[in-house]
Amino acid sequence: MNKILLGIGVISLMLGVKMIYDARPIVKQYFSFGDENEATLGIKILGFLFAIVGGILLYFNV
């Protein structure tokens, strides 16, 4: 069970960092509405939450 949670934590952490770093290209590729800045902020906040959850899972399973 610990290895599964460790894998989920690593994937979640990597996905969060990817979302934070590449928020604007992700928004340009997948969304086509006018206010790009709000969508970028939303993607960055979601990525931050994924990174926090992944970090917590890694901390408690290592």
PDB file of N, CA and C in Angstrom:
ATOM      1  N   MET A   1       0.828  -1.201   0.000  1.00  0.00           N
ATOM      2  CA  MET A   1       0.000   0.000   0.000  1.00  0.00           C
ATOM      3  C   MET A   1       0.867   1.258   0.000  1.00  0.00           C
ATOM      4  N   ASN A   2       1.987   1.211   0.726  1.00  0.00           N
ATOM      5  CA  ASN A   2       2.859   2.382   0.784  1.00  0.00           C
ATOM      6  C   ASN A   2       3.456   2.699  -0.584  1.00  0.00           C
ATOM      7  N   LYS A   3       3.775   1.664  -1.362  1.00  0.00           N
ATOM      8  CA  LYS A   3       4.360   1.914  -2.685  1.00  0.00           C
ATOM      9  C   LYS A   3       3.358   2.542  -3.634  1.00  0.00           C
ATOM     10  N   ILE A   4       2.100   2.163  -3.503  1.00  0.00           N
ATOM     11  CA  ILE A   4       1.065   2.749  -4.344  1.00  0.00           C
ATOM     12  C   ILE A   4       0.891   4.223  -3.998  1.00  0.00           C
ATOM     13  N   LEU A   5       0.811   4.537  -2.722  1.00  0.00           N
ATOM     14  CA  LEU A   5       0.671   5.930  -2.308  1.00  0.00           C
ATOM     15  C   LEU A   5       1.914   6.744  -2.652  1.00  0.00           C
ATOM     16  N   LEU A   6       3.078   6.122  -2.582  1.00  0.00           N
ATOM     17  CA  LEU A   6       4.313   6.790  -2.966  1.00  0.00           C
ATOM     18  C   LEU A   6       4.288   7.131  -4.463  1.00  0.00           C
ATOM     19  N   GLY A   7       3.836   6.188  -5.286  1.00  0.00           N
ATOM     20  CA  GLY A   7       3.719   6.438  -6.725  1.00  0.00           C
ATOM     21  C   GLY A   7       2.715   7.529  -7.035  1.00  0.00           C
ATOM     22  N   ILE A   8       1.579   7.512  -6.353  1.00  0.00           N
ATOM     23  CA  ILE A   8       0.575   8.557  -6.556  1.00  0.00           C
ATOM     24  C   ILE A   8       1.129   9.911  -6.130  1.00  0.00           C
ATOM     25  N   GLY A   9       1.887   9.938  -5.041  1.00  0.00           N
ATOM     26  CA  GLY A   9       2.487  11.186  -4.576  1.00  0.00           C
ATOM     27  C   GLY A   9       3.489  11.746  -5.563  1.00  0.00           C
ATOM     28  N   VAL A  10       4.324  10.882  -6.119  1.00  0.00           N
ATOM     29  CA  VAL A  10       5.321  11.331  -7.098  1.00  0.00           C
ATOM     30  C   VAL A  10       4.634  11.865  -8.349  1.00  0.00           C
ATOM     31  N   ILE A  11       3.637  11.147  -8.842  1.00  0.00           N
ATOM     32  CA  ILE A  11       2.919  11.587 -10.043  1.00  0.00           C
ATOM     33  C   ILE A  11       2.193  12.904  -9.786  1.00  0.00           C
ATOM     34  N   SER A  12       1.565  13.022  -8.629  1.00  0.00           N
ATOM     35  CA  SER A  12       0.854  14.248  -8.293  1.00  0.00           C
ATOM     36  C   SER A  12       1.807  15.427  -8.171  1.00  0.00           C
ATOM     37  N   LEU A  13       2.941  15.216  -7.557  1.00  0.00           N
ATOM     38  CA  LEU A  13       3.934  16.279  -7.418  1.00  0.00           C
ATOM     39  C   LEU A  13       4.467  16.711  -8.779  1.00  0.00           C
ATOM     40  N   MET A  14       4.782  15.761  -9.632  1.00  0.00           N
ATOM     41  CA  MET A  14       5.297  16.100 -10.965  1.00  0.00           C
ATOM     42  C   MET A  14       4.239  16.805 -11.809  1.00  0.00           C
ATOM     43  N   LEU A  15       2.994  16.360 -11.720  1.00  0.00           N
ATOM     44  CA  LEU A  15       1.913  17.007 -12.456  1.00  0.00           C
ATOM     45  C   LEU A  15       1.702  18.437 -11.968  1.00  0.00           C
ATOM     46  N   GLY A  16       1.777  18.634 -10.658  1.00  0.00           N
ATOM     47  CA  GLY A  16       1.619  19.978 -10.103  1.00  0.00           C
ATOM     48  C   GLY A  16       2.704  20.926 -10.564  1.00  0.00           C
ATOM     49  N   VAL A  17       3.951  20.478 -10.536  1.00  0.00           N
ATOM     50  CA  VAL A  17       5.058  21.320 -10.981  1.00  0.00           C
ATOM     51  C   VAL A  17       4.931  21.626 -12.474  1.00  0.00           C
ATOM     52  N   LYS A  18       4.533  20.651 -13.254  1.00  0.00           N
ATOM     53  CA  LYS A  18       4.341  20.849 -14.701  1.00  0.00           C
ATOM     54  C   LYS A  18       3.232  21.869 -14.954  1.00  0.00           C
ATOM     55  N   MET A  19       2.155  21.799 -14.179  1.00  0.00           N
ATOM     56  CA  MET A  19       1.062  22.736 -14.359  1.00  0.00           C
ATOM     57  C   MET A  19       1.468  24.151 -13.964  1.00  0.00           C
ATOM     58  N   ILE A  20       2.255  24.290 -12.924  1.00  0.00           N
ATOM     59  CA  ILE A  20       2.708  25.616 -12.512  1.00  0.00           C
ATOM     60  C   ILE A  20       3.652  26.203 -13.561  1.00  0.00           C
ATOM     61  N   TYR A  21       4.594  25.400 -14.016  1.00  0.00           N
ATOM     62  CA  TYR A  21       5.621  25.894 -14.925  1.00  0.00           C
ATOM     63  C   TYR A  21       5.074  26.201 -16.315  1.00  0.00           C
ATOM     64  N   ASP A  22       4.188  25.370 -16.824  1.00  0.00           N
ATOM     65  CA  ASP A  22       3.680  25.517 -18.195  1.00  0.00           C
ATOM     66  C   ASP A  22       2.216  25.921 -18.234  1.00  0.00           C
ATOM     67  N   ALA A  23       1.783  26.789 -17.349  1.00  0.00           N
ATOM     68  CA  ALA A  23       0.370  27.151 -17.285  1.00  0.00           C
ATOM     69  C   ALA A  23      -0.098  27.861 -18.554  1.00  0.00           C
ATOM     70  N   ARG A  24       0.658  28.826 -19.022  1.00  0.00           N
ATOM     71  CA  ARG A  24       0.218  29.589 -20.190  1.00  0.00           C
ATOM     72  C   ARG A  24       0.163  28.734 -21.466  1.00  0.00           C
ATOM     73  N   PRO A  25       1.174  27.916 -21.773  1.00  0.00           N
ATOM     74  CA  PRO A  25       1.035  27.046 -22.960  1.00  0.00           C
ATOM     75  C   PRO A  25      -0.109  26.041 -22.838  1.00  0.00           C
ATOM     76  N   ILE A  26      -0.380  25.556 -21.634  1.00  0.00           N
ATOM     77  CA  ILE A  26      -1.505  24.635 -21.440  1.00  0.00           C
ATOM     78  C   ILE A  26      -2.816  25.339 -21.753  1.00  0.00           C
ATOM     79  N   VAL A  27      -2.967  26.569 -21.262  1.00  0.00           N
ATOM     80  CA  VAL A  27      -4.193  27.330 -21.519  1.00  0.00           C
ATOM     81  C   VAL A  27      -4.345  27.611 -23.008  1.00  0.00           C
ATOM     82  N   LYS A  28      -3.274  27.987 -23.674  1.00  0.00           N
ATOM     83  CA  LYS A  28      -3.356  28.275 -25.104  1.00  0.00           C
ATOM     84  C   LYS A  28      -3.713  27.032 -25.914  1.00  0.00           C
ATOM     85  N   GLN A  29      -3.249  25.870 -25.473  1.00  0.00           N
ATOM     86  CA  GLN A  29      -3.485  24.652 -26.236  1.00  0.00           C
ATOM     87  C   GLN A  29      -4.891  24.093 -26.030  1.00  0.00           C
ATOM     88  N   TYR A  30      -5.393  24.101 -24.793  1.00  0.00           N
ATOM     89  CA  TYR A  30      -6.639  23.397 -24.504  1.00  0.00           C
ATOM     90  C   TYR A  30      -7.869  24.287 -24.371  1.00  0.00           C
ATOM     91  N   PHE A  31      -7.698  25.557 -24.102  1.00  0.00           N
ATOM     92  CA  PHE A  31      -8.847  26.442 -23.907  1.00  0.00           C
ATOM     93  C   PHE A  31      -8.830  27.528 -24.963  1.00  0.00           C
ATOM     94  N   SER A  32     -10.005  27.983 -25.338  1.00  0.00           N
ATOM     95  CA  SER A  32     -10.077  29.002 -26.372  1.00  0.00           C
ATOM     96  C   SER A  32     -11.078  30.095 -25.980  1.00  0.00           C
ATOM     97  N   PHE A  33     -10.936  30.612 -24.783  1.00  0.00           N
ATOM     98  CA  PHE A  33     -11.792  31.725 -24.411  1.00  0.00           C
ATOM     99  C   PHE A  33     -10.933  32.953 -24.174  1.00  0.00           C
ATOM    100  N   GLY A  34     -11.576  34.107 -24.050  1.00  0.00           N
ATOM    101  CA  GLY A  34     -10.886  35.374 -24.093  1.00  0.00           C
ATOM    102  C   GLY A  34      -9.945  35.676 -22.935  1.00  0.00           C
ATOM    103  N   ASP A  35     -10.333  35.391 -21.719  1.00  0.00           N
ATOM    104  CA  ASP A  35      -9.526  35.835 -20.588  1.00  0.00           C
ATOM    105  C   ASP A  35      -8.488  34.777 -20.234  1.00  0.00           C
ATOM    106  N   GLU A  36      -7.339  34.905 -20.852  1.00  0.00           N
ATOM    107  CA  GLU A  36      -6.261  33.935 -20.682  1.00  0.00           C
ATOM    108  C   GLU A  36      -5.586  34.053 -19.307  1.00  0.00           C
ATOM    109  N   ASN A  37      -5.561  35.260 -18.747  1.00  0.00           N
ATOM    110  CA  ASN A  37      -4.885  35.464 -17.468  1.00  0.00           C
ATOM    111  C   ASN A  37      -5.602  34.753 -16.321  1.00  0.00           C
ATOM    112  N   GLU A  38      -6.933  34.787 -16.308  1.00  0.00           N
ATOM    113  CA  GLU A  38      -7.682  34.101 -15.258  1.00  0.00           C
ATOM    114  C   GLU A  38      -7.519  32.591 -15.365  1.00  0.00           C
ATOM    115  N   ALA A  39      -7.525  32.079 -16.578  1.00  0.00           N
ATOM    116  CA  ALA A  39      -7.345  30.639 -16.762  1.00  0.00           C
ATOM    117  C   ALA A  39      -5.944  30.206 -16.347  1.00  0.00           C
ATOM    118  N   THR A  40      -4.948  31.023 -16.639  1.00  0.00           N
ATOM    119  CA  THR A  40      -3.573  30.720 -16.245  1.00  0.00           C
ATOM    120  C   THR A  40      -3.456  30.694 -14.728  1.00  0.00           C
ATOM    121  N   LEU A  41      -4.088  31.667 -14.067  1.00  0.00           N
ATOM    122  CA  LEU A  41      -4.071  31.692 -12.606  1.00  0.00           C
ATOM    123  C   LEU A  41      -4.754  30.452 -12.027  1.00  0.00           C
ATOM    124  N   GLY A  42      -5.857  30.046 -12.623  1.00  0.00           N
ATOM    125  CA  GLY A  42      -6.550  28.844 -12.157  1.00  0.00           C
ATOM    126  C   GLY A  42      -5.713  27.588 -12.311  1.00  0.00           C
ATOM    127  N   ILE A  43      -5.015  27.462 -13.431  1.00  0.00           N
ATOM    128  CA  ILE A  43      -4.147  26.302 -13.670  1.00  0.00           C
ATOM    129  C   ILE A  43      -2.986  26.297 -12.668  1.00  0.00           C
ATOM    130  N   LYS A  44      -2.432  27.470 -12.378  1.00  0.00           N
ATOM    131  CA  LYS A  44      -1.328  27.554 -11.422  1.00  0.00           C
ATOM    132  C   LYS A  44      -1.783  27.199 -10.009  1.00  0.00           C
ATOM    133  N   ILE A  45      -2.968  27.635  -9.619  1.00  0.00           N
ATOM    134  CA  ILE A  45      -3.494  27.297  -8.296  1.00  0.00           C
ATOM    135  C   ILE A  45      -3.761  25.798  -8.201  1.00  0.00           C
ATOM    136  N   LEU A  46      -4.337  25.217  -9.237  1.00  0.00           N
ATOM    137  CA  LEU A  46      -4.583  23.776  -9.257  1.00  0.00           C
ATOM    138  C   LEU A  46      -3.269  23.000  -9.205  1.00  0.00           C
ATOM    139  N   GLY A  47      -2.262  23.460  -9.936  1.00  0.00           N
ATOM    140  CA  GLY A  47      -0.949  22.830  -9.890  1.00  0.00           C
ATOM    141  C   GLY A  47      -0.314  22.932  -8.514  1.00  0.00           C
ATOM    142  N   PHE A  48      -0.486  24.068  -7.852  1.00  0.00           N
ATOM    143  CA  PHE A  48       0.029  24.235  -6.505  1.00  0.00           C
ATOM    144  C   PHE A  48      -0.623  23.250  -5.541  1.00  0.00           C
ATOM    145  N   LEU A  49      -1.930  23.059  -5.671  1.00  0.00           N
ATOM    146  CA  LEU A  49      -2.629  22.096  -4.809  1.00  0.00           C
ATOM    147  C   LEU A  49      -2.164  20.667  -5.074  1.00  0.00           C
ATOM    148  N   PHE A  50      -1.970  20.317  -6.351  1.00  0.00           N
ATOM    149  CA  PHE A  50      -1.445  18.989  -6.683  1.00  0.00           C
ATOM    150  C   PHE A  50      -0.055  18.790  -6.082  1.00  0.00           C
ATOM    151  N   ALA A  51       0.779  19.826  -6.158  1.00  0.00           N
ATOM    152  CA  ALA A  51       2.130  19.725  -5.616  1.00  0.00           C
ATOM    153  C   ALA A  51       2.100  19.566  -4.098  1.00  0.00           C
ATOM    154  N   ILE A  52       1.215  20.254  -3.420  1.00  0.00           N
ATOM    155  CA  ILE A  52       1.097  20.136  -1.963  1.00  0.00           C
ATOM    156  C   ILE A  52       0.635  18.735  -1.581  1.00  0.00           C
ATOM    157  N   VAL A  53      -0.380  18.229  -2.262  1.00  0.00           N
ATOM    158  CA  VAL A  53      -0.885  16.878  -1.964  1.00  0.00           C
ATOM    159  C   VAL A  53       0.194  15.833  -2.235  1.00  0.00           C
ATOM    160  N   GLY A  54       0.902  15.967  -3.350  1.00  0.00           N
ATOM    161  CA  GLY A  54       1.982  15.032  -3.665  1.00  0.00           C
ATOM    162  C   GLY A  54       3.105  15.090  -2.649  1.00  0.00           C
ATOM    163  N   GLY A  55       3.444  16.290  -2.201  1.00  0.00           N
ATOM    164  CA  GLY A  55       4.483  16.437  -1.183  1.00  0.00           C
ATOM    165  C   GLY A  55       4.079  15.824   0.136  1.00  0.00           C
ATOM    166  N   ILE A  56       2.831  15.985   0.519  1.00  0.00           N
ATOM    167  CA  ILE A  56       2.335  15.393   1.770  1.00  0.00           C
ATOM    168  C   ILE A  56       2.366  13.867   1.666  1.00  0.00           C
ATOM    169  N   LEU A  57       1.934  13.325   0.537  1.00  0.00           N
ATOM    170  CA  LEU A  57       1.971  11.865   0.361  1.00  0.00           C
ATOM    171  C   LEU A  57       3.402  11.340   0.409  1.00  0.00           C
ATOM    172  N   LEU A  58       4.323  12.070  -0.190  1.00  0.00           N
ATOM    173  CA  LEU A  58       5.726  11.636  -0.141  1.00  0.00           C
ATOM    174  C   LEU A  58       6.289  11.731   1.269  1.00  0.00           C
ATOM    175  N   TYR A  59       5.940  12.781   1.982  1.00  0.00           N
ATOM    176  CA  TYR A  59       6.479  12.977   3.320  1.00  0.00           C
ATOM    177  C   TYR A  59       6.038  11.859   4.275  1.00  0.00           C
ATOM    178  N   PHE A  60       4.779  11.472   4.184  1.00  0.00           N
ATOM    179  CA  PHE A  60       4.273  10.471   5.119  1.00  0.00           C
ATOM    180  C   PHE A  60       4.548   9.030   4.690  1.00  0.00           C
ATOM    181  N   ASN A  61       5.050   8.806   3.477  1.00  0.00           N
ATOM    182  CA  ASN A  61       5.289   7.442   3.021  1.00  0.00           C
ATOM    183  C   ASN A  61       6.762   7.097   2.858  1.00  0.00           C
ATOM    184  N   VAL A  62       7.645   8.030   3.107  1.00  0.00           N
ATOM    185  CA  VAL A  62       9.075   7.733   2.959  1.00  0.00           C
ATOM    186  C   VAL A  62       9.668   7.408   4.299  1.00  0.00           C
TER     187      VAL A  62
END
